[in-house]
Amino acid sequence: RAAVDQQCQVLAYELLGQYFGVESKRAVIAAELPQDRLEDH
């Protein structure tokens, strides 16, 4: 149980790094471009 728990926490932090990269890209595009241009992209 401890080994599974530890590895899940490590995975969560790895995914955090990936999320921050994806979310910053998504957020800056959403802030700069009109919504109607993004809806069907």
PDB file of all heavy atoms in Angstrom:
ATOM      1  N   ARG A   1       0.824  -1.204   0.000  1.00  0.00           N
ATOM      2  CA  ARG A   1       0.000   0.000   0.000  1.00  0.00           C
ATOM      3  C   ARG A   1       0.859   1.256   0.000  1.00  0.00           C
ATOM      4  O   ARG A   1       0.576   2.214  -0.721  1.00  0.00           O
ATOM      5  CB  ARG A   1      -0.939   0.012   1.198  1.00  0.00           C
ATOM      6  CG  ARG A   1      -2.080  -0.977   1.077  1.00  0.00           C
ATOM      7  CD  ARG A   1      -2.985  -0.924   2.285  1.00  0.00           C
ATOM      8  NE  ARG A   1      -4.150  -1.781   2.116  1.00  0.00           N
ATOM      9  CZ  ARG A   1      -5.120  -1.874   2.999  1.00  0.00           C
ATOM     10  NH1 ARG A   1      -5.083  -1.163   4.113  1.00  0.00           N
ATOM     11  NH2 ARG A   1      -6.139  -2.674   2.768  1.00  0.00           N
ATOM     12  N   ALA A   2       1.909   1.258   0.815  1.00  0.00           N
ATOM     13  CA  ALA A   2       2.799   2.425   0.883  1.00  0.00           C
ATOM     14  C   ALA A   2       3.505   2.660  -0.456  1.00  0.00           C
ATOM     15  O   ALA A   2       3.634   3.800  -0.900  1.00  0.00           O
ATOM     16  CB  ALA A   2       3.827   2.247   2.004  1.00  0.00           C
ATOM     17  N   ALA A   3       3.956   1.586  -1.087  1.00  0.00           N
ATOM     18  CA  ALA A   3       4.647   1.731  -2.379  1.00  0.00           C
ATOM     19  C   ALA A   3       3.703   2.286  -3.439  1.00  0.00           C
ATOM     20  O   ALA A   3       4.078   3.179  -4.214  1.00  0.00           O
ATOM     21  CB  ALA A   3       5.218   0.381  -2.822  1.00  0.00           C
ATOM     22  N   VAL A   4       2.478   1.787  -3.490  1.00  0.00           N
ATOM     23  CA  VAL A   4       1.496   2.301  -4.452  1.00  0.00           C
ATOM     24  C   VAL A   4       1.211   3.768  -4.166  1.00  0.00           C
ATOM     25  O   VAL A   4       1.195   4.605  -5.072  1.00  0.00           O
ATOM     26  CB  VAL A   4       0.192   1.458  -4.421  1.00  0.00           C
ATOM     27  CG1 VAL A   4      -0.941   2.155  -5.170  1.00  0.00           C
ATOM     28  CG2 VAL A   4       0.451   0.070  -5.004  1.00  0.00           C
ATOM     29  N   ASP A   5       1.012   4.098  -2.914  1.00  0.00           N
ATOM     30  CA  ASP A   5       0.724   5.476  -2.525  1.00  0.00           C
ATOM     31  C   ASP A   5       1.867   6.421  -2.918  1.00  0.00           C
ATOM     32  O   ASP A   5       1.639   7.484  -3.496  1.00  0.00           O
ATOM     33  CB  ASP A   5       0.472   5.532  -1.024  1.00  0.00           C
ATOM     34  CG  ASP A   5      -0.196   6.810  -0.597  1.00  0.00           C
ATOM     35  OD1 ASP A   5      -1.251   7.161  -1.167  1.00  0.00           O
ATOM     36  OD2 ASP A   5       0.328   7.470   0.320  1.00  0.00           O
ATOM     37  N   GLN A   6       3.096   6.029  -2.623  1.00  0.00           N
ATOM     38  CA  GLN A   6       4.259   6.857  -2.974  1.00  0.00           C
ATOM     39  C   GLN A   6       4.345   7.080  -4.476  1.00  0.00           C
ATOM     40  O   GLN A   6       4.581   8.205  -4.937  1.00  0.00           O
ATOM     41  CB  GLN A   6       5.550   6.217  -2.470  1.00  0.00           C
ATOM     42  CG  GLN A   6       5.715   6.275  -0.988  1.00  0.00           C
ATOM     43  CD  GLN A   6       6.875   5.425  -0.505  1.00  0.00           C
ATOM     44  OE1 GLN A   6       7.535   4.733  -1.276  1.00  0.00           O
ATOM     45  NE2 GLN A   6       7.129   5.466   0.795  1.00  0.00           N
ATOM     46  N   GLN A   7       4.159   6.024  -5.248  1.00  0.00           N
ATOM     47  CA  GLN A   7       4.258   6.157  -6.701  1.00  0.00           C
ATOM     48  C   GLN A   7       3.129   7.018  -7.261  1.00  0.00           C
ATOM     49  O   GLN A   7       3.320   7.740  -8.237  1.00  0.00           O
ATOM     50  CB  GLN A   7       4.299   4.788  -7.359  1.00  0.00           C
ATOM     51  CG  GLN A   7       5.570   4.007  -7.067  1.00  0.00           C
ATOM     52  CD  GLN A   7       6.836   4.777  -7.416  1.00  0.00           C
ATOM     53  OE1 GLN A   7       6.927   5.396  -8.466  1.00  0.00           O
ATOM     54  NE2 GLN A   7       7.812   4.752  -6.534  1.00  0.00           N
ATOM     55  N   CYS A   8       1.960   6.962  -6.655  1.00  0.00           N
ATOM     56  CA  CYS A   8       0.854   7.833  -7.098  1.00  0.00           C
ATOM     57  C   CYS A   8       1.179   9.298  -6.838  1.00  0.00           C
ATOM     58  O   CYS A   8       0.869  10.163  -7.664  1.00  0.00           O
ATOM     59  CB  CYS A   8      -0.435   7.446  -6.399  1.00  0.00           C
ATOM     60  SG  CYS A   8      -1.184   5.947  -7.049  1.00  0.00           S
ATOM     61  N   GLN A   9       1.797   9.575  -5.710  1.00  0.00           N
ATOM     62  CA  GLN A   9       2.173  10.951  -5.420  1.00  0.00           C
ATOM     63  C   GLN A   9       3.237  11.445  -6.399  1.00  0.00           C
ATOM     64  O   GLN A   9       3.156  12.570  -6.897  1.00  0.00           O
ATOM     65  CB  GLN A   9       2.661  11.069  -3.980  1.00  0.00           C
ATOM     66  CG  GLN A   9       1.532  10.907  -2.968  1.00  0.00           C
ATOM     67  CD  GLN A   9       2.026  11.007  -1.543  1.00  0.00           C
ATOM     68  OE1 GLN A   9       2.626  12.008  -1.185  1.00  0.00           O
ATOM     69  NE2 GLN A   9       1.766   9.986  -0.752  1.00  0.00           N
ATOM     70  N   VAL A  10       4.210  10.607  -6.710  1.00  0.00           N
ATOM     71  CA  VAL A  10       5.235  10.969  -7.689  1.00  0.00           C
ATOM     72  C   VAL A  10       4.582  11.240  -9.042  1.00  0.00           C
ATOM     73  O   VAL A  10       4.884  12.232  -9.712  1.00  0.00           O
ATOM     74  CB  VAL A  10       6.316   9.872  -7.801  1.00  0.00           C
ATOM     75  CG1 VAL A  10       7.239  10.125  -8.979  1.00  0.00           C
ATOM     76  CG2 VAL A  10       7.108   9.755  -6.506  1.00  0.00           C
ATOM     77  N   LEU A  11       3.668  10.369  -9.449  1.00  0.00           N
ATOM     78  CA  LEU A  11       2.962  10.541 -10.709  1.00  0.00           C
ATOM     79  C   LEU A  11       2.201  11.861 -10.728  1.00  0.00           C
ATOM     80  O   LEU A  11       2.216  12.589 -11.726  1.00  0.00           O
ATOM     81  CB  LEU A  11       2.000   9.369 -10.952  1.00  0.00           C
ATOM     82  CG  LEU A  11       1.120   9.452 -12.197  1.00  0.00           C
ATOM     83  CD1 LEU A  11       1.958   9.489 -13.465  1.00  0.00           C
ATOM     84  CD2 LEU A  11       0.144   8.274 -12.227  1.00  0.00           C
ATOM     85  N   ALA A  12       1.543  12.193  -9.630  1.00  0.00           N
ATOM     86  CA  ALA A  12       0.786  13.449  -9.560  1.00  0.00           C
ATOM     87  C   ALA A  12       1.695  14.647  -9.794  1.00  0.00           C
ATOM     88  O   ALA A  12       1.336  15.566 -10.538  1.00  0.00           O
ATOM     89  CB  ALA A  12       0.086  13.560  -8.205  1.00  0.00           C
ATOM     90  N   TYR A  13       2.868  14.648  -9.203  1.00  0.00           N
ATOM     91  CA  TYR A  13       3.787  15.774  -9.390  1.00  0.00           C
ATOM     92  C   TYR A  13       4.347  15.823 -10.812  1.00  0.00           C
ATOM     93  O   TYR A  13       4.551  16.904 -11.365  1.00  0.00           O
ATOM     94  CB  TYR A  13       4.895  15.748  -8.338  1.00  0.00           C
ATOM     95  CG  TYR A  13       4.376  16.198  -6.989  1.00  0.00           C
ATOM     96  CD1 TYR A  13       4.198  15.295  -5.954  1.00  0.00           C
ATOM     97  CD2 TYR A  13       4.024  17.531  -6.760  1.00  0.00           C
ATOM     98  CE1 TYR A  13       3.693  15.700  -4.723  1.00  0.00           C
ATOM     99  CE2 TYR A  13       3.523  17.946  -5.545  1.00  0.00           C
ATOM    100  CZ  TYR A  13       3.358  17.027  -4.528  1.00  0.00           C
ATOM    101  OH  TYR A  13       2.854  17.430  -3.323  1.00  0.00           O
ATOM    102  N   GLU A  14       4.573  14.660 -11.408  1.00  0.00           N
ATOM    103  CA  GLU A  14       4.990  14.637 -12.821  1.00  0.00           C
ATOM    104  C   GLU A  14       3.892  15.232 -13.704  1.00  0.00           C
ATOM    105  O   GLU A  14       4.167  16.021 -14.608  1.00  0.00           O
ATOM    106  CB  GLU A  14       5.283  13.210 -13.268  1.00  0.00           C
ATOM    107  CG  GLU A  14       6.564  12.630 -12.723  1.00  0.00           C
ATOM    108  CD  GLU A  14       6.753  11.177 -13.121  1.00  0.00           C
ATOM    109  OE1 GLU A  14       5.824  10.553 -13.680  1.00  0.00           O
ATOM    110  OE2 GLU A  14       7.854  10.655 -12.861  1.00  0.00           O
ATOM    111  N   LEU A  15       2.664  14.839 -13.438  1.00  0.00           N
ATOM    112  CA  LEU A  15       1.540  15.344 -14.228  1.00  0.00           C
ATOM    113  C   LEU A  15       1.316  16.836 -13.997  1.00  0.00           C
ATOM    114  O   LEU A  15       0.859  17.541 -14.903  1.00  0.00           O
ATOM    115  CB  LEU A  15       0.267  14.553 -13.909  1.00  0.00           C
ATOM    116  CG  LEU A  15       0.281  13.088 -14.331  1.00  0.00           C
ATOM    117  CD1 LEU A  15      -0.949  12.367 -13.790  1.00  0.00           C
ATOM    118  CD2 LEU A  15       0.380  12.945 -15.832  1.00  0.00           C
ATOM    119  N   LEU A  16       1.647  17.333 -12.807  1.00  0.00           N
ATOM    120  CA  LEU A  16       1.548  18.770 -12.535  1.00  0.00           C
ATOM    121  C   LEU A  16       2.411  19.562 -13.509  1.00  0.00           C
ATOM    122  O   LEU A  16       1.970  20.578 -14.051  1.00  0.00           O
ATOM    123  CB  LEU A  16       1.999  19.081 -11.107  1.00  0.00           C
ATOM    124  CG  LEU A  16       0.951  19.154 -10.035  1.00  0.00           C
ATOM    125  CD1 LEU A  16       1.601  19.319  -8.673  1.00  0.00           C
ATOM    126  CD2 LEU A  16      -0.032  20.264 -10.284  1.00  0.00           C
ATOM    127  N   GLY A  17       3.628  19.114 -13.724  1.00  0.00           N
ATOM    128  CA  GLY A  17       4.517  19.798 -14.666  1.00  0.00           C
ATOM    129  C   GLY A  17       3.928  19.812 -16.061  1.00  0.00           C
ATOM    130  O   GLY A  17       3.958  20.838 -16.753  1.00  0.00           O
ATOM    131  N   GLN A  18       3.386  18.686 -16.478  1.00  0.00           N
ATOM    132  CA  GLN A  18       2.767  18.619 -17.800  1.00  0.00           C
ATOM    133  C   GLN A  18       1.535  19.531 -17.858  1.00  0.00           C
ATOM    134  O   GLN A  18       1.325  20.244 -18.840  1.00  0.00           O
ATOM    135  CB  GLN A  18       2.383  17.177 -18.121  1.00  0.00           C
ATOM    136  CG  GLN A  18       1.847  17.005 -19.518  1.00  0.00           C
ATOM    137  CD  GLN A  18       1.503  15.554 -19.823  1.00  0.00           C
ATOM    138  OE1 GLN A  18       1.724  14.651 -19.033  1.00  0.00           O
ATOM    139  NE2 GLN A  18       0.942  15.341 -20.994  1.00  0.00           N
ATOM    140  N   TYR A  19       0.730  19.515 -16.810  1.00  0.00           N
ATOM    141  CA  TYR A  19      -0.468  20.359 -16.762  1.00  0.00           C
ATOM    142  C   TYR A  19      -0.108  21.838 -16.876  1.00  0.00           C
ATOM    143  O   TYR A  19      -0.737  22.584 -17.620  1.00  0.00           O
ATOM    144  CB  TYR A  19      -1.251  20.105 -15.463  1.00  0.00           C
ATOM    145  CG  TYR A  19      -2.371  21.090 -15.264  1.00  0.00           C
ATOM    146  CD1 TYR A  19      -3.574  20.950 -15.935  1.00  0.00           C
ATOM    147  CD2 TYR A  19      -2.207  22.187 -14.416  1.00  0.00           C
ATOM    148  CE1 TYR A  19      -4.606  21.864 -15.763  1.00  0.00           C
ATOM    149  CE2 TYR A  19      -3.227  23.100 -14.246  1.00  0.00           C
ATOM    150  CZ  TYR A  19      -4.420  22.942 -14.919  1.00  0.00           C
ATOM    151  OH  TYR A  19      -5.424  23.864 -14.753  1.00  0.00           O
ATOM    152  N   PHE A  20       0.901  22.268 -16.132  1.00  0.00           N
ATOM    153  CA  PHE A  20       1.282  23.680 -16.165  1.00  0.00           C
ATOM    154  C   PHE A  20       1.687  24.109 -17.571  1.00  0.00           C
ATOM    155  O   PHE A  20       1.356  25.199 -18.019  1.00  0.00           O
ATOM    156  CB  PHE A  20       2.405  23.975 -15.171  1.00  0.00           C
ATOM    157  CG  PHE A  20       1.973  23.924 -13.736  1.00  0.00           C
ATOM    158  CD1 PHE A  20       2.872  23.592 -12.745  1.00  0.00           C
ATOM    159  CD2 PHE A  20       0.666  24.190 -13.353  1.00  0.00           C
ATOM    160  CE1 PHE A  20       2.496  23.544 -11.412  1.00  0.00           C
ATOM    161  CE2 PHE A  20       0.264  24.144 -12.025  1.00  0.00           C
ATOM    162  CZ  PHE A  20       1.190  23.822 -11.050  1.00  0.00           C
ATOM    163  N   GLY A  21       2.395  23.247 -18.294  1.00  0.00           N
ATOM    164  CA  GLY A  21       2.764  23.560 -19.676  1.00  0.00           C
ATOM    165  C   GLY A  21       1.560  23.664 -20.586  1.00  0.00           C
ATOM    166  O   GLY A  21       1.419  24.603 -21.376  1.00  0.00           O
ATOM    167  N   VAL A  22       0.657  22.690 -20.477  1.00  0.00           N
ATOM    168  CA  VAL A  22      -0.551  22.673 -21.312  1.00  0.00           C
ATOM    169  C   VAL A  22      -1.471  23.840 -20.948  1.00  0.00           C
ATOM    170  O   VAL A  22      -1.974  24.552 -21.821  1.00  0.00           O
ATOM    171  CB  VAL A  22      -1.300  21.318 -21.151  1.00  0.00           C
ATOM    172  CG1 VAL A  22      -2.684  21.370 -21.758  1.00  0.00           C
ATOM    173  CG2 VAL A  22      -0.483  20.200 -21.777  1.00  0.00           C
ATOM    174  N   GLU A  23      -1.683  24.060 -19.663  1.00  0.00           N
ATOM    175  CA  GLU A  23      -2.617  25.094 -19.211  1.00  0.00           C
ATOM    176  C   GLU A  23      -2.103  26.496 -19.528  1.00  0.00           C
ATOM    177  O   GLU A  23      -2.884  27.375 -19.888  1.00  0.00           O
ATOM    178  CB  GLU A  23      -2.903  24.953 -17.723  1.00  0.00           C
ATOM    179  CG  GLU A  23      -3.824  26.006 -17.149  1.00  0.00           C
ATOM    180  CD  GLU A  23      -5.188  26.109 -17.810  1.00  0.00           C
ATOM    181  OE1 GLU A  23      -5.629  25.153 -18.487  1.00  0.00           O
ATOM    182  OE2 GLU A  23      -5.822  27.165 -17.665  1.00  0.00           O
ATOM    183  N   SER A  24      -0.793  26.731 -19.429  1.00  0.00           N
ATOM    184  CA  SER A  24      -0.285  28.064 -19.759  1.00  0.00           C
ATOM    185  C   SER A  24      -0.476  28.362 -21.241  1.00  0.00           C
ATOM    186  O   SER A  24      -0.860  29.478 -21.612  1.00  0.00           O
ATOM    187  CB  SER A  24       1.177  28.228 -19.344  1.00  0.00           C
ATOM    188  OG  SER A  24       2.006  27.350 -20.063  1.00  0.00           O
ATOM    189  N   LYS A  25      -0.257  27.358 -22.081  1.00  0.00           N
ATOM    190  CA  LYS A  25      -0.478  27.532 -23.513  1.00  0.00           C
ATOM    191  C   LYS A  25      -1.953  27.806 -23.800  1.00  0.00           C
ATOM    192  O   LYS A  25      -2.315  28.720 -24.534  1.00  0.00           O
ATOM    193  CB  LYS A  25      -0.011  26.285 -24.266  1.00  0.00           C
ATOM    194  CG  LYS A  25      -0.036  26.423 -25.780  1.00  0.00           C
ATOM    195  CD  LYS A  25       0.393  25.131 -26.462  1.00  0.00           C
ATOM    196  CE  LYS A  25       1.853  24.863 -26.213  1.00  0.00           C
ATOM    197  NZ  LYS A  25       2.332  23.677 -26.961  1.00  0.00           N
ATOM    198  N   ARG A  26      -2.822  26.995 -23.198  1.00  0.00           N
ATOM    199  CA  ARG A  26      -4.259  27.160 -23.385  1.00  0.00           C
ATOM    200  C   ARG A  26      -4.738  28.519 -22.877  1.00  0.00           C
ATOM    201  O   ARG A  26      -5.486  29.236 -23.540  1.00  0.00           O
ATOM    202  CB  ARG A  26      -5.030  26.046 -22.659  1.00  0.00           C
ATOM    203  CG  ARG A  26      -6.518  26.002 -23.022  1.00  0.00           C
ATOM    204  CD  ARG A  26      -7.357  25.421 -21.909  1.00  0.00           C
ATOM    205  NE  ARG A  26      -7.308  26.166 -20.685  1.00  0.00           N
ATOM    206  CZ  ARG A  26      -7.963  27.324 -20.464  1.00  0.00           C
ATOM    207  NH1 ARG A  26      -8.693  27.858 -21.403  1.00  0.00           N
ATOM    208  NH2 ARG A  26      -7.863  27.936 -19.306  1.00  0.00           N
ATOM    209  N   ALA A  27      -4.260  28.924 -21.707  1.00  0.00           N
ATOM    210  CA  ALA A  27      -4.705  30.178 -21.090  1.00  0.00           C
ATOM    211  C   ALA A  27      -4.266  31.399 -21.880  1.00  0.00           C
ATOM    212  O   ALA A  27      -5.035  32.352 -22.049  1.00  0.00           O
ATOM    213  CB  ALA A  27      -4.192  30.260 -19.653  1.00  0.00           C
ATOM    214  N   VAL A  28      -3.050  31.396 -22.397  1.00  0.00           N
ATOM    215  CA  VAL A  28      -2.580  32.568 -23.142  1.00  0.00           C
ATOM    216  C   VAL A  28      -3.299  32.679 -24.486  1.00  0.00           C
ATOM    217  O   VAL A  28      -3.641  33.781 -24.923  1.00  0.00           O
ATOM    218  CB  VAL A  28      -1.040  32.578 -23.296  1.00  0.00           C
ATOM    219  CG1 VAL A  28      -0.549  31.586 -24.333  1.00  0.00           C
ATOM    220  CG2 VAL A  28      -0.542  33.974 -23.618  1.00  0.00           C
ATOM    221  N   ILE A  29      -3.572  31.563 -25.126  1.00  0.00           N
ATOM    222  CA  ILE A  29      -4.323  31.598 -26.391  1.00  0.00           C
ATOM    223  C   ILE A  29      -5.756  32.071 -26.134  1.00  0.00           C
ATOM    224  O   ILE A  29      -6.282  32.919 -26.859  1.00  0.00           O
ATOM    225  CB  ILE A  29      -4.302  30.214 -27.076  1.00  0.00           C
ATOM    226  CG1 ILE A  29      -2.890  29.898 -27.573  1.00  0.00           C
ATOM    227  CG2 ILE A  29      -5.299  30.164 -28.233  1.00  0.00           C
ATOM    228  CD1 ILE A  29      -2.696  28.467 -28.050  1.00  0.00           C
ATOM    229  N   ALA A  30      -6.372  31.560 -25.082  1.00  0.00           N
ATOM    230  CA  ALA A  30      -7.748  31.967 -24.743  1.00  0.00           C
ATOM    231  C   ALA A  30      -7.822  33.442 -24.384  1.00  0.00           C
ATOM    232  O   ALA A  30      -8.816  34.111 -24.681  1.00  0.00           O
ATOM    233  CB  ALA A  30      -8.276  31.112 -23.594  1.00  0.00           C
ATOM    234  N   ALA A  31      -6.772  33.975 -23.773  1.00  0.00           N
ATOM    235  CA  ALA A  31      -6.756  35.387 -23.388  1.00  0.00           C
ATOM    236  C   ALA A  31      -6.534  36.311 -24.591  1.00  0.00           C
ATOM    237  O   ALA A  31      -7.010  37.444 -24.604  1.00  0.00           O
ATOM    238  CB  ALA A  31      -5.677  35.635 -22.343  1.00  0.00           C
ATOM    239  N   GLU A  32      -5.853  35.835 -25.594  1.00  0.00           N
ATOM    240  CA  GLU A  32      -5.469  36.684 -26.718  1.00  0.00           C
ATOM    241  C   GLU A  32      -6.399  36.597 -27.927  1.00  0.00           C
ATOM    242  O   GLU A  32      -6.487  37.541 -28.700  1.00  0.00           O
ATOM    243  CB  GLU A  32      -4.040  36.346 -27.162  1.00  0.00           C
ATOM    244  CG  GLU A  32      -2.976  36.707 -26.139  1.00  0.00           C
ATOM    245  CD  GLU A  32      -2.858  38.208 -25.894  1.00  0.00           C
ATOM    246  OE1 GLU A  32      -3.032  38.998 -26.835  1.00  0.00           O
ATOM    247  OE2 GLU A  32      -2.617  38.578 -24.733  1.00  0.00           O
ATOM    248  N   LEU A  33      -7.070  35.474 -28.102  1.00  0.00           N
ATOM    249  CA  LEU A  33      -7.897  35.293 -29.300  1.00  0.00           C
ATOM    250  C   LEU A  33      -9.381  35.319 -28.952  1.00  0.00           C
ATOM    251  O   LEU A  33      -9.779  34.873 -27.871  1.00  0.00           O
ATOM    252  CB  LEU A  33      -7.549  33.974 -29.992  1.00  0.00           C
ATOM    253  CG  LEU A  33      -6.116  33.874 -30.521  1.00  0.00           C
ATOM    254  CD1 LEU A  33      -5.850  32.487 -31.059  1.00  0.00           C
ATOM    255  CD2 LEU A  33      -5.839  34.918 -31.583  1.00  0.00           C
ATOM    256  N   PRO A  34     -10.212  35.811 -29.859  1.00  0.00           N
ATOM    257  CA  PRO A  34     -11.656  35.838 -29.594  1.00  0.00           C
ATOM    258  C   PRO A  34     -12.228  34.420 -29.490  1.00  0.00           C
ATOM    259  O   PRO A  34     -11.790  33.505 -30.195  1.00  0.00           O
ATOM    260  CB  PRO A  34     -12.238  36.575 -30.803  1.00  0.00           C
ATOM    261  CG  PRO A  34     -11.145  36.728 -31.788  1.00  0.00           C
ATOM    262  CD  PRO A  34      -9.846  36.382 -31.146  1.00  0.00           C
ATOM    263  N   GLN A  35     -13.229  34.272 -28.629  1.00  0.00           N
ATOM    264  CA  GLN A  35     -13.840  32.972 -28.359  1.00  0.00           C
ATOM    265  C   GLN A  35     -14.385  32.303 -29.618  1.00  0.00           C
ATOM    266  O   GLN A  35     -14.245  31.104 -29.797  1.00  0.00           O
ATOM    267  CB  GLN A  35     -14.949  33.118 -27.314  1.00  0.00           C
ATOM    268  CG  GLN A  35     -15.574  31.816 -26.876  1.00  0.00           C
ATOM    269  CD  GLN A  35     -14.603  30.874 -26.178  1.00  0.00           C
ATOM    270  OE1 GLN A  35     -13.661  31.309 -25.525  1.00  0.00           O
ATOM    271  NE2 GLN A  35     -14.814  29.585 -26.344  1.00  0.00           N
ATOM    272  N   ASP A  36     -14.989  33.085 -30.519  1.00  0.00           N
ATOM    273  CA  ASP A  36     -15.581  32.485 -31.721  1.00  0.00           C
ATOM    274  C   ASP A  36     -14.527  31.855 -32.626  1.00  0.00           C
ATOM    275  O   ASP A  36     -14.806  30.930 -33.373  1.00  0.00           O
ATOM    276  CB  ASP A  36     -16.427  33.507 -32.490  1.00  0.00           C
ATOM    277  CG  ASP A  36     -15.616  34.686 -33.017  1.00  0.00           C
ATOM    278  OD1 ASP A  36     -14.557  35.011 -32.424  1.00  0.00           O
ATOM    279  OD2 ASP A  36     -16.042  35.281 -34.025  1.00  0.00           O
ATOM    280  N   ARG A  37     -13.317  32.323 -32.556  1.00  0.00           N
ATOM    281  CA  ARG A  37     -12.222  31.752 -33.352  1.00  0.00           C
ATOM    282  C   ARG A  37     -11.730  30.425 -32.757  1.00  0.00           C
ATOM    283  O   ARG A  37     -11.207  29.572 -33.469  1.00  0.00           O
ATOM    284  CB  ARG A  37     -11.080  32.758 -33.436  1.00  0.00           C
ATOM    285  CG  ARG A  37     -10.045  32.373 -34.433  1.00  0.00           C
ATOM    286  CD  ARG A  37      -9.146  33.507 -34.786  1.00  0.00           C
ATOM    287  NE  ARG A  37      -7.987  32.983 -35.476  1.00  0.00           N
ATOM    288  CZ  ARG A  37      -6.795  33.516 -35.433  1.00  0.00           C
ATOM    289  NH1 ARG A  37      -6.595  34.626 -34.767  1.00  0.00           N
ATOM    290  NH2 ARG A  37      -5.798  32.960 -36.077  1.00  0.00           N
ATOM    291  N   LEU A  38     -11.920  30.265 -31.450  1.00  0.00           N
ATOM    292  CA  LEU A  38     -11.429  29.071 -30.754  1.00  0.00           C
ATOM    293  C   LEU A  38     -12.457  27.939 -30.713  1.00  0.00           C
ATOM    294  O   LEU A  38     -12.082  26.775 -30.585  1.00  0.00           O
ATOM    295  CB  LEU A  38     -11.037  29.432 -29.319  1.00  0.00           C
ATOM    296  CG  LEU A  38      -9.927  30.470 -29.175  1.00  0.00           C
ATOM    297  CD1 LEU A  38      -9.710  30.784 -27.706  1.00  0.00           C
ATOM    298  CD2 LEU A  38      -8.653  29.999 -29.824  1.00  0.00           C
ATOM    299  N   GLU A  39     -13.742  28.275 -30.822  1.00  0.00           N
ATOM    300  CA  GLU A  39     -14.801  27.286 -30.642  1.00  0.00           C
ATOM    301  C   GLU A  39     -14.691  26.084 -31.572  1.00  0.00           C
ATOM    302  O   GLU A  39     -14.920  24.956 -31.157  1.00  0.00           O
ATOM    303  CB  GLU A  39     -16.174  27.949 -30.815  1.00  0.00           C
ATOM    304  CG  GLU A  39     -16.546  28.820 -29.650  1.00  0.00           C
ATOM    305  CD  GLU A  39     -17.848  29.574 -29.876  1.00  0.00           C
ATOM    306  OE1 GLU A  39     -18.409  29.491 -30.989  1.00  0.00           O
ATOM    307  OE2 GLU A  39     -18.287  30.245 -28.937  1.00  0.00           O
ATOM    308  N   ASP A  40     -14.355  26.297 -32.808  1.00  0.00           N
ATOM    309  CA  ASP A  40     -14.291  25.202 -33.781  1.00  0.00           C
ATOM    310  C   ASP A  40     -12.867  24.795 -34.142  1.00  0.00           C
ATOM    311  O   ASP A  40     -12.659  24.086 -35.121  1.00  0.00           O
ATOM    312  CB  ASP A  40     -15.056  25.590 -35.057  1.00  0.00           C
ATOM    313  CG  ASP A  40     -16.533  25.787 -34.785  1.00  0.00           C
ATOM    314  OD1 ASP A  40     -17.074  25.065 -33.925  1.00  0.00           O
ATOM    315  OD2 ASP A  40     -17.141  26.670 -35.425  1.00  0.00           O
ATOM    316  N   HIS A  41     -11.917  25.225 -33.364  1.00  0.00           N
ATOM    317  CA  HIS A  41     -10.517  24.900 -33.647  1.00  0.00           C
ATOM    318  C   HIS A  41     -10.158  23.573 -32.975  1.00  0.00           C
ATOM    319  O   HIS A  41     -10.152  23.462 -31.746  1.00  0.00           O
ATOM    320  CB  HIS A  41      -9.602  26.023 -33.150  1.00  0.00           C
ATOM    321  CG  HIS A  41      -8.234  25.953 -33.724  1.00  0.00           C
ATOM    322  ND1 HIS A  41      -7.270  25.137 -33.199  1.00  0.00           N
ATOM    323  CD2 HIS A  41      -7.680  26.569 -34.793  1.00  0.00           C
ATOM    324  CE1 HIS A  41      -6.155  25.270 -33.900  1.00  0.00           C
ATOM    325  NE2 HIS A  41      -6.382  26.129 -34.875  1.00  0.00           N
TER     326      HIS A  41
END
